[in-house]
C-alpha atoms as a PDB file:
ATOM      1  CA  MET A   1      -8.664 -62.655 -40.370  1.00  0.00           C
ATOM      2  CA  LYS A   2     -11.541 -60.340 -39.580  1.00  0.00           C
ATOM      3  CA  GLN A   3     -10.628 -56.674 -39.456  1.00  0.00           C
ATOM      4  CA  THR A   4     -11.275 -54.936 -36.133  1.00  0.00           C
ATOM      5  CA  PRO A   5     -11.141 -51.264 -35.092  1.00  0.00           C
ATOM      6  CA  VAL A   6      -7.644 -51.983 -33.741  1.00  0.00           C
ATOM      7  CA  HIS A   7      -6.533 -53.195 -37.160  1.00  0.00           C
ATOM      8  CA  ALA A   8      -8.073 -50.150 -38.795  1.00  0.00           C
ATOM      9  CA  ASP A   9      -6.227 -47.842 -36.416  1.00  0.00           C
ATOM     10  CA  ALA A  10      -2.955 -49.666 -37.067  1.00  0.00           C
ATOM     11  CA  HIS A  11      -3.393 -49.404 -40.828  1.00  0.00           C
ATOM     12  CA  ALA A  12      -4.206 -45.698 -40.490  1.00  0.00           C
ATOM     13  CA  HIS A  13      -1.112 -45.168 -38.361  1.00  0.00           C
ATOM     14  CA  CYS A  14       1.117 -46.931 -40.877  1.00  0.00           C
ATOM     15  CA  GLN A  15      -0.413 -44.962 -43.743  1.00  0.00           C
ATOM     16  CA  SER A  16       0.142 -41.703 -41.853  1.00  0.00           C
ATOM     17  CA  LEU A  17       3.789 -42.600 -41.318  1.00  0.00           C
ATOM     18  CA  GLN A  18       4.202 -43.570 -44.958  1.00  0.00           C
ATOM     19  CA  ASP A  19       2.721 -40.238 -46.033  1.00  0.00           C
ATOM     20  CA  ALA A  20       4.965 -38.294 -43.641  1.00  0.00           C
ATOM     21  CA  LEU A  21       8.066 -40.118 -44.869  1.00  0.00           C
ATOM     22  CA  GLY A  22       7.050 -39.413 -48.459  1.00  0.00           C
ATOM     23  CA  HIS A  23       6.807 -35.721 -47.625  1.00  0.00           C
ATOM     24  CA  LEU A  24      10.198 -35.838 -45.877  1.00  0.00           C
ATOM     25  CA  ARG A  25      11.736 -37.553 -48.879  1.00  0.00           C
ATOM     26  CA  ALA A  26      10.270 -34.995 -51.268  1.00  0.00           C
ATOM     27  CA  THR A  27      11.036 -31.831 -49.305  1.00  0.00           C
ATOM     28  CA  GLY A  28      13.535 -32.504 -46.521  1.00  0.00           C
ATOM     29  CA  LEU A  29      16.505 -34.451 -47.834  1.00  0.00           C
ATOM     30  CA  ASP A  30      18.380 -31.445 -49.208  1.00  0.00           C
ATOM     31  CA  ARG A  31      18.043 -29.615 -45.899  1.00  0.00           C
ATOM     32  CA  LEU A  32      19.272 -32.605 -43.900  1.00  0.00           C
ATOM     33  CA  ALA A  33      22.214 -32.929 -46.286  1.00  0.00           C
ATOM     34  CA  ARG A  34      23.081 -29.258 -45.746  1.00  0.00           C
ATOM     35  CA  TRP A  35      22.801 -29.678 -41.989  1.00  0.00           C
ATOM     36  CA  GLY A  36      25.087 -32.693 -42.058  1.00  0.00           C
ATOM     37  CA  HIS A  37      27.702 -30.825 -44.083  1.00  0.00           C
ATOM     38  CA  ARG A  38      27.448 -27.843 -41.746  1.00  0.00           C
ATOM     39  CA  LEU A  39      28.034 -30.041 -38.704  1.00  0.00           C
ATOM     40  CA  ALA A  40      30.997 -31.627 -40.487  1.00  0.00           C
ATOM     41  CA  ALA A  41      32.535 -28.155 -40.674  1.00  0.00           C
ATOM     42  CA  VAL A  42      31.611 -27.045 -37.140  1.00  0.00           C
ATOM     43  CA  LEU A  43      32.352 -30.078 -34.964  1.00  0.00           C
ATOM     44  CA  PRO A  44      35.850 -31.055 -36.187  1.00  0.00           C
ATOM     45  CA  ALA A  45      36.891 -27.408 -35.765  1.00  0.00           C
ATOM     46  CA  GLY A  46      36.062 -27.558 -32.056  1.00  0.00           C
ATOM     47  CA  GLY A  47      32.454 -26.406 -32.208  1.00  0.00           C
ATOM     48  CA  ARG A  48      29.580 -28.065 -30.439  1.00  0.00           C
ATOM     49  CA  LEU A  49      26.067 -29.283 -31.101  1.00  0.00           C
ATOM     50  CA  LEU A  50      23.534 -28.573 -28.375  1.00  0.00           C
ATOM     51  CA  ALA A  51      20.190 -30.353 -28.612  1.00  0.00           C
ATOM     52  CA  ALA A  52      16.974 -30.315 -26.625  1.00  0.00           C
ATOM     53  CA  GLY A  53      13.350 -31.408 -26.629  1.00  0.00           C
ATOM     54  CA  ASN A  54      10.537 -32.345 -24.291  1.00  0.00           C
ATOM     55  CA  GLY A  55       9.169 -35.841 -23.694  1.00  0.00           C
ATOM     56  CA  GLY A  56       9.589 -38.059 -26.739  1.00  0.00           C
ATOM     57  CA  SER A  57      11.437 -35.266 -28.523  1.00  0.00           C
ATOM     58  CA  ALA A  58      13.961 -35.263 -25.681  1.00  0.00           C
ATOM     59  CA  ALA A  59      14.645 -38.913 -26.444  1.00  0.00           C
ATOM     60  CA  GLN A  60      15.154 -38.104 -30.127  1.00  0.00           C
ATOM     61  CA  ALA A  61      17.563 -35.271 -29.294  1.00  0.00           C
ATOM     62  CA  GLN A  62      19.543 -37.520 -26.974  1.00  0.00           C
ATOM     63  CA  HIS A  63      19.595 -40.207 -29.651  1.00  0.00           C
ATOM     64  CA  LEU A  64      21.310 -37.734 -31.987  1.00  0.00           C
ATOM     65  CA  THR A  65      23.937 -36.601 -29.493  1.00  0.00           C
ATOM     66  CA  ALA A  66      24.754 -40.230 -28.675  1.00  0.00           C
ATOM     67  CA  GLU A  67      25.394 -40.931 -32.373  1.00  0.00           C
ATOM     68  CA  LEU A  68      27.830 -37.991 -32.554  1.00  0.00           C
ATOM     69  CA  VAL A  69      29.725 -38.637 -29.339  1.00  0.00           C
ATOM     70  CA  GLY A  70      29.763 -42.350 -30.080  1.00  0.00           C
ATOM     71  CA  ARG A  71      29.248 -43.355 -33.675  1.00  0.00           C
ATOM     72  CA  TYR A  72      26.486 -43.899 -36.193  1.00  0.00           C
ATOM     73  CA  ARG A  73      27.780 -46.699 -38.433  1.00  0.00           C
ATOM     74  CA  GLU A  74      31.497 -46.498 -39.087  1.00  0.00           C
ATOM     75  CA  GLU A  75      34.195 -45.794 -36.520  1.00  0.00           C
ATOM     76  CA  ARG A  76      35.333 -42.181 -36.380  1.00  0.00           C
ATOM     77  CA  ALA A  77      36.456 -39.532 -33.927  1.00  0.00           C
ATOM     78  CA  ALA A  78      34.174 -38.435 -31.091  1.00  0.00           C
ATOM     79  CA  TYR A  79      32.531 -35.025 -31.435  1.00  0.00           C
ATOM     80  CA  SER A  80      31.084 -32.659 -28.867  1.00  0.00           C
ATOM     81  CA  ALA A  81      27.298 -32.908 -28.601  1.00  0.00           C
ATOM     82  CA  ILE A  82      25.198 -32.292 -25.479  1.00  0.00           C
ATOM     83  CA  ALA A  83      21.547 -33.147 -24.874  1.00  0.00           C
ATOM     84  CA  LEU A  84      20.527 -30.330 -22.538  1.00  0.00           C
ATOM     85  CA  HIS A  85      17.527 -32.115 -21.054  1.00  0.00           C
ATOM     86  CA  ALA A  86      19.799 -34.969 -19.916  1.00  0.00           C
ATOM     87  CA  GLU A  87      21.606 -32.614 -17.510  1.00  0.00           C
ATOM     88  CA  THR A  88      19.158 -33.557 -14.784  1.00  0.00           C
ATOM     89  CA  SER A  89      20.685 -31.591 -11.916  1.00  0.00           C
ATOM     90  CA  SER A  90      20.886 -28.473 -14.066  1.00  0.00           C
ATOM     91  CA  VAL A  91      17.348 -28.947 -15.377  1.00  0.00           C
ATOM     92  CA  THR A  92      15.859 -29.396 -11.926  1.00  0.00           C
ATOM     93  CA  ALA A  93      17.886 -26.611 -10.332  1.00  0.00           C
ATOM     94  CA  ILE A  94      17.082 -24.126 -13.090  1.00  0.00           C
ATOM     95  CA  GLY A  95      13.442 -25.167 -13.172  1.00  0.00           C
ATOM     96  CA  ASN A  96      13.181 -24.761  -9.419  1.00  0.00           C
ATOM     97  CA  ASP A  97      15.041 -21.449  -9.205  1.00  0.00           C
ATOM     98  CA  TYR A  98      14.050 -19.713 -12.445  1.00  0.00           C
ATOM     99  CA  GLY A  99      11.072 -21.591 -13.897  1.00  0.00           C
ATOM    100  CA  PHE A 100      10.685 -24.419 -16.407  1.00  0.00           C
ATOM    101  CA  GLU A 101      10.694 -22.018 -19.353  1.00  0.00           C
ATOM    102  CA  HIS A 102      14.383 -21.294 -18.625  1.00  0.00           C
ATOM    103  CA  VAL A 103      15.724 -24.855 -18.290  1.00  0.00           C
ATOM    104  CA  PHE A 104      17.282 -24.857 -21.763  1.00  0.00           C
ATOM    105  CA  ALA A 105      17.963 -21.157 -22.291  1.00  0.00           C
ATOM    106  CA  ARG A 106      20.241 -20.901 -19.278  1.00  0.00           C
ATOM    107  CA  GLN A 107      22.231 -23.937 -20.408  1.00  0.00           C
ATOM    108  CA  VAL A 108      22.561 -22.442 -23.878  1.00  0.00           C
ATOM    109  CA  ALA A 109      23.910 -19.278 -22.271  1.00  0.00           C
ATOM    110  CA  ALA A 110      26.435 -21.394 -20.351  1.00  0.00           C
ATOM    111  CA  HIS A 111      27.579 -23.795 -23.080  1.00  0.00           C
ATOM    112  CA  GLY A 112      26.869 -22.109 -26.409  1.00  0.00           C
ATOM    113  CA  ARG A 113      29.524 -20.173 -28.288  1.00  0.00           C
ATOM    114  CA  ALA A 114      29.307 -18.242 -31.523  1.00  0.00           C
ATOM    115  CA  GLY A 115      29.443 -20.702 -34.412  1.00  0.00           C
ATOM    116  CA  ASP A 116      27.951 -23.603 -32.445  1.00  0.00           C
ATOM    117  CA  VAL A 117      24.651 -25.197 -33.478  1.00  0.00           C
ATOM    118  CA  LEU A 118      21.502 -25.671 -31.389  1.00  0.00           C
ATOM    119  CA  LEU A 119      18.987 -28.241 -32.637  1.00  0.00           C
ATOM    120  CA  LEU A 120      15.524 -28.063 -31.056  1.00  0.00           C
ATOM    121  CA  LEU A 121      12.967 -30.828 -31.562  1.00  0.00           C
ATOM    122  CA  SER A 122       9.251 -30.339 -30.968  1.00  0.00           C
ATOM    123  CA  THR A 123       6.106 -31.963 -32.320  1.00  0.00           C
ATOM    124  CA  SER A 124       4.076 -28.802 -31.741  1.00  0.00           C
ATOM    125  CA  GLY A 125       6.686 -26.097 -32.222  1.00  0.00           C
ATOM    126  CA  ARG A 126       5.100 -24.160 -29.355  1.00  0.00           C
ATOM    127  CA  SER A 127       7.072 -25.168 -26.260  1.00  0.00           C
ATOM    128  CA  THR A 128       8.020 -22.059 -24.293  1.00  0.00           C
ATOM    129  CA  ASN A 129      11.299 -23.494 -23.011  1.00  0.00           C
ATOM    130  CA  LEU A 130      12.449 -24.255 -26.566  1.00  0.00           C
ATOM    131  CA  LEU A 131      11.441 -20.821 -27.817  1.00  0.00           C
ATOM    132  CA  SER A 132      13.434 -19.215 -24.984  1.00  0.00           C
ATOM    133  CA  ALA A 133      16.433 -21.369 -25.878  1.00  0.00           C
ATOM    134  CA  ALA A 134      16.189 -20.313 -29.527  1.00  0.00           C
ATOM    135  CA  MET A 135      16.158 -16.622 -28.640  1.00  0.00           C
ATOM    136  CA  THR A 136      19.095 -16.997 -26.236  1.00  0.00           C
ATOM    137  CA  ALA A 137      21.083 -18.932 -28.824  1.00  0.00           C
ATOM    138  CA  ARG A 138      20.566 -16.448 -31.617  1.00  0.00           C
ATOM    139  CA  ALA A 139      21.593 -13.589 -29.335  1.00  0.00           C
ATOM    140  CA  ALA A 140      24.832 -15.482 -28.607  1.00  0.00           C
ATOM    141  CA  GLY A 141      25.614 -16.188 -32.272  1.00  0.00           C
ATOM    142  CA  VAL A 142      24.638 -19.860 -32.039  1.00  0.00           C
ATOM    143  CA  GLU A 143      22.936 -21.152 -35.182  1.00  0.00           C
ATOM    144  CA  VAL A 144      19.462 -22.515 -34.438  1.00  0.00           C
ATOM    145  CA  TRP A 145      17.815 -25.411 -36.281  1.00  0.00           C
ATOM    146  CA  ALA A 146      14.315 -26.625 -35.533  1.00  0.00           C
ATOM    147  CA  LEU A 147      12.862 -30.049 -36.272  1.00  0.00           C
ATOM    148  CA  THR A 148       9.129 -29.678 -35.722  1.00  0.00           C
ATOM    149  CA  GLY A 149       5.653 -30.850 -36.611  1.00  0.00           C
ATOM    150  CA  PRO A 150       3.490 -29.120 -39.213  1.00  0.00           C
ATOM    151  CA  ASP A 151       4.167 -25.514 -40.090  1.00  0.00           C
ATOM    152  CA  PRO A 152       3.541 -22.736 -39.462  1.00  0.00           C
ATOM    153  CA  ASN A 153       4.615 -22.794 -35.834  1.00  0.00           C
ATOM    154  CA  PRO A 154       6.481 -20.357 -33.554  1.00  0.00           C
ATOM    155  CA  LEU A 155       9.627 -22.466 -33.160  1.00  0.00           C
ATOM    156  CA  ALA A 156      10.132 -22.789 -36.908  1.00  0.00           C
ATOM    157  CA  GLU A 157       9.780 -19.026 -37.192  1.00  0.00           C
ATOM    158  CA  ALA A 158      12.249 -18.421 -34.343  1.00  0.00           C
ATOM    159  CA  ALA A 159      14.932 -20.694 -35.815  1.00  0.00           C
ATOM    160  CA  ASP A 160      17.494 -19.853 -38.471  1.00  0.00           C
ATOM    161  CA  GLN A 161      16.411 -22.974 -40.349  1.00  0.00           C
ATOM    162  CA  ALA A 162      13.574 -25.425 -39.812  1.00  0.00           C
ATOM    163  CA  LEU A 163      12.431 -28.781 -41.109  1.00  0.00           C
ATOM    164  CA  CYS A 164       8.711 -29.212 -40.470  1.00  0.00           C
ATOM    165  CA  ILE A 165       7.133 -32.653 -40.660  1.00  0.00           C
ATOM    166  CA  SER A 166       3.656 -32.815 -42.122  1.00  0.00           C
ATOM    167  CA  ALA A 167       1.664 -35.333 -40.047  1.00  0.00           C
ATOM    168  CA  ASP A 168      -1.602 -35.453 -38.134  1.00  0.00           C
ATOM    169  CA  THR A 169      -0.349 -36.903 -34.841  1.00  0.00           C
ATOM    170  CA  ALA A 170       2.560 -36.304 -32.496  1.00  0.00           C
ATOM    171  CA  ALA A 171       3.441 -40.011 -32.674  1.00  0.00           C
ATOM    172  CA  THR A 172       3.915 -39.889 -36.430  1.00  0.00           C
ATOM    173  CA  VAL A 173       5.913 -36.676 -36.202  1.00  0.00           C
ATOM    174  CA  GLN A 174       8.270 -38.275 -33.664  1.00  0.00           C
ATOM    175  CA  GLU A 175       8.676 -41.411 -35.746  1.00  0.00           C
ATOM    176  CA  THR A 176       9.580 -39.292 -38.749  1.00  0.00           C
ATOM    177  CA  HIS A 177      11.957 -37.229 -36.629  1.00  0.00           C
ATOM    178  CA  LEU A 178      13.884 -40.412 -35.842  1.00  0.00           C
ATOM    179  CA  VAL A 179      14.346 -41.067 -39.553  1.00  0.00           C
ATOM    180  CA  ALA A 180      15.455 -37.450 -39.988  1.00  0.00           C
ATOM    181  CA  VAL A 181      17.994 -37.864 -37.173  1.00  0.00           C
ATOM    182  CA  HIS A 182      19.472 -40.915 -38.860  1.00  0.00           C
ATOM    183  CA  LEU A 183      19.582 -39.161 -42.233  1.00  0.00           C
ATOM    184  CA  LEU A 184      21.386 -36.250 -40.582  1.00  0.00           C
ATOM    185  CA  CYS A 185      23.946 -38.667 -39.153  1.00  0.00           C
ATOM    186  CA  GLU A 186      24.420 -40.272 -42.566  1.00  0.00           C
ATOM    187  CA  SER A 187      24.963 -36.865 -44.148  1.00  0.00           C
ATOM    188  CA  PHE A 188      27.403 -35.871 -41.404  1.00  0.00           C
ATOM    189  CA  ASP A 189      29.477 -39.021 -41.838  1.00  0.00           C
ATOM    190  CA  ALA A 190      29.447 -38.663 -45.626  1.00  0.00           C
ATOM    191  CA  ALA A 191      30.643 -35.070 -45.362  1.00  0.00           C
ATOM    192  CA  LEU A 192      33.445 -36.112 -43.007  1.00  0.00           C
ATOM    193  CA  ALA A 193      34.541 -38.747 -45.504  1.00  0.00           C
ATOM    194  CA  GLU A 194      34.499 -36.213 -48.342  1.00  0.00           C
ATOM    195  CA  ALA A 195      36.721 -33.921 -46.280  1.00  0.00           C
ATOM    196  CA  GLY A 196      39.085 -36.772 -45.410  1.00  0.00           C
ATOM    197  CA  ARG A 197      38.241 -36.542 -41.706  1.00  0.00           C
ATOM    198  CA  THR A 198      37.226 -40.161 -41.208  1.00  0.00           C
ATOM    199  CA  THR A 199      40.433 -41.222 -39.487  1.00  0.00           C
ATOM    200  CA  VAL A 200      39.363 -44.203 -37.388  1.00  0.00           C
ATOM    201  CA  SER A 201      38.516 -47.438 -39.163  1.00  0.00           C
ATOM    202  CA  ARG A 202      37.054 -50.697 -37.976  1.00  0.00           C
ATOM    203  CA  PRO A 203      39.628 -53.503 -37.761  1.00  0.00           C
ATOM    204  CA  ALA A 204      39.461 -56.529 -40.031  1.00  0.00           C
ATOM    205  CA  GLY A 205      36.971 -59.094 -38.853  1.00  0.00           C
ATOM    206  CA  GLY A 206      34.266 -56.548 -38.084  1.00  0.00           C
ATOM    207  CA  LYS A 207      35.088 -56.174 -34.397  1.00  0.00           C
ATOM    208  CA  LYS A 208      34.372 -52.835 -32.804  1.00  0.00           C
ATOM    209  CA  HIS A 209      37.430 -50.643 -32.336  1.00  0.00           C
ATOM    210  CA  ARG A 210      38.176 -49.798 -28.713  1.00  0.00           C
ATOM    211  CA  PRO A 211      40.764 -47.198 -27.728  1.00  0.00           C
ATOM    212  CA  PRO A 212      43.581 -48.444 -25.503  1.00  0.00           C
ATOM    213  CA  VAL A 213      43.015 -48.200 -21.759  1.00  0.00           C
ATOM    214  CA  PRO A 214      45.562 -45.858 -20.157  1.00  0.00           C
ATOM    215  CA  ALA A 215      47.846 -47.240 -17.504  1.00  0.00           C
ATOM    216  CA  LEU A 216      46.743 -46.383 -13.981  1.00  0.00           C
ATOM    217  CA  GLY A 217      50.159 -46.563 -12.343  1.00  0.00           C
ATOM    218  CA  ARG A 218      51.248 -48.862  -9.539  1.00  0.00           C
ATOM    219  CA  ARG A 219      48.376 -50.609  -7.802  1.00  0.00           C
ATOM    220  CA  LEU A 220      47.978 -49.793  -4.149  1.00  0.00           C
ATOM    221  CA  ARG A 221      48.179 -52.736  -1.791  1.00  0.00           C
END
């Protein structure tokens, strides 16, 4: 089949992703493992993960919180994780009353407690609303992690810890962030298992475990 500019672009995109994943594998796995173990200490003790991003990074952050509140692979307890951008009434009210740069910081001030973790995702590392959230979190004793594009960038510098993805385009950074999110979930689940905290197992036959539905009392007629 004759190669076209579209094919060339697709091959370049795939090569960029392969290069970014190679860099993640070489430099980021230890950090993701440490983050997973840290969450496995914080969340079962009653702590919380807050997460936020803009645009595609918002989707990645919400993907992570869904894996923690629900599950990643194996059945386990539910853990507290909130995607701040998904609080649409809060986001729009804060944006309208205080300005878009405060939409995450004010929620961090409301929900964050010392010892919690805030994970901020950004392809550029320069979003003002994420930088404000990082500063608010650190002032409150909330540990700040940043998952960003290439360093140096202001968000990586504002965070307690950062994992910066080396890639030329925002699309490739976001694709690599998704892999990083899944690796973080794997590390979290592994750390829970090591600590003996994996208490819910999938029944024989591979069917998904569902908690019992509580009785609702006598039905009204």
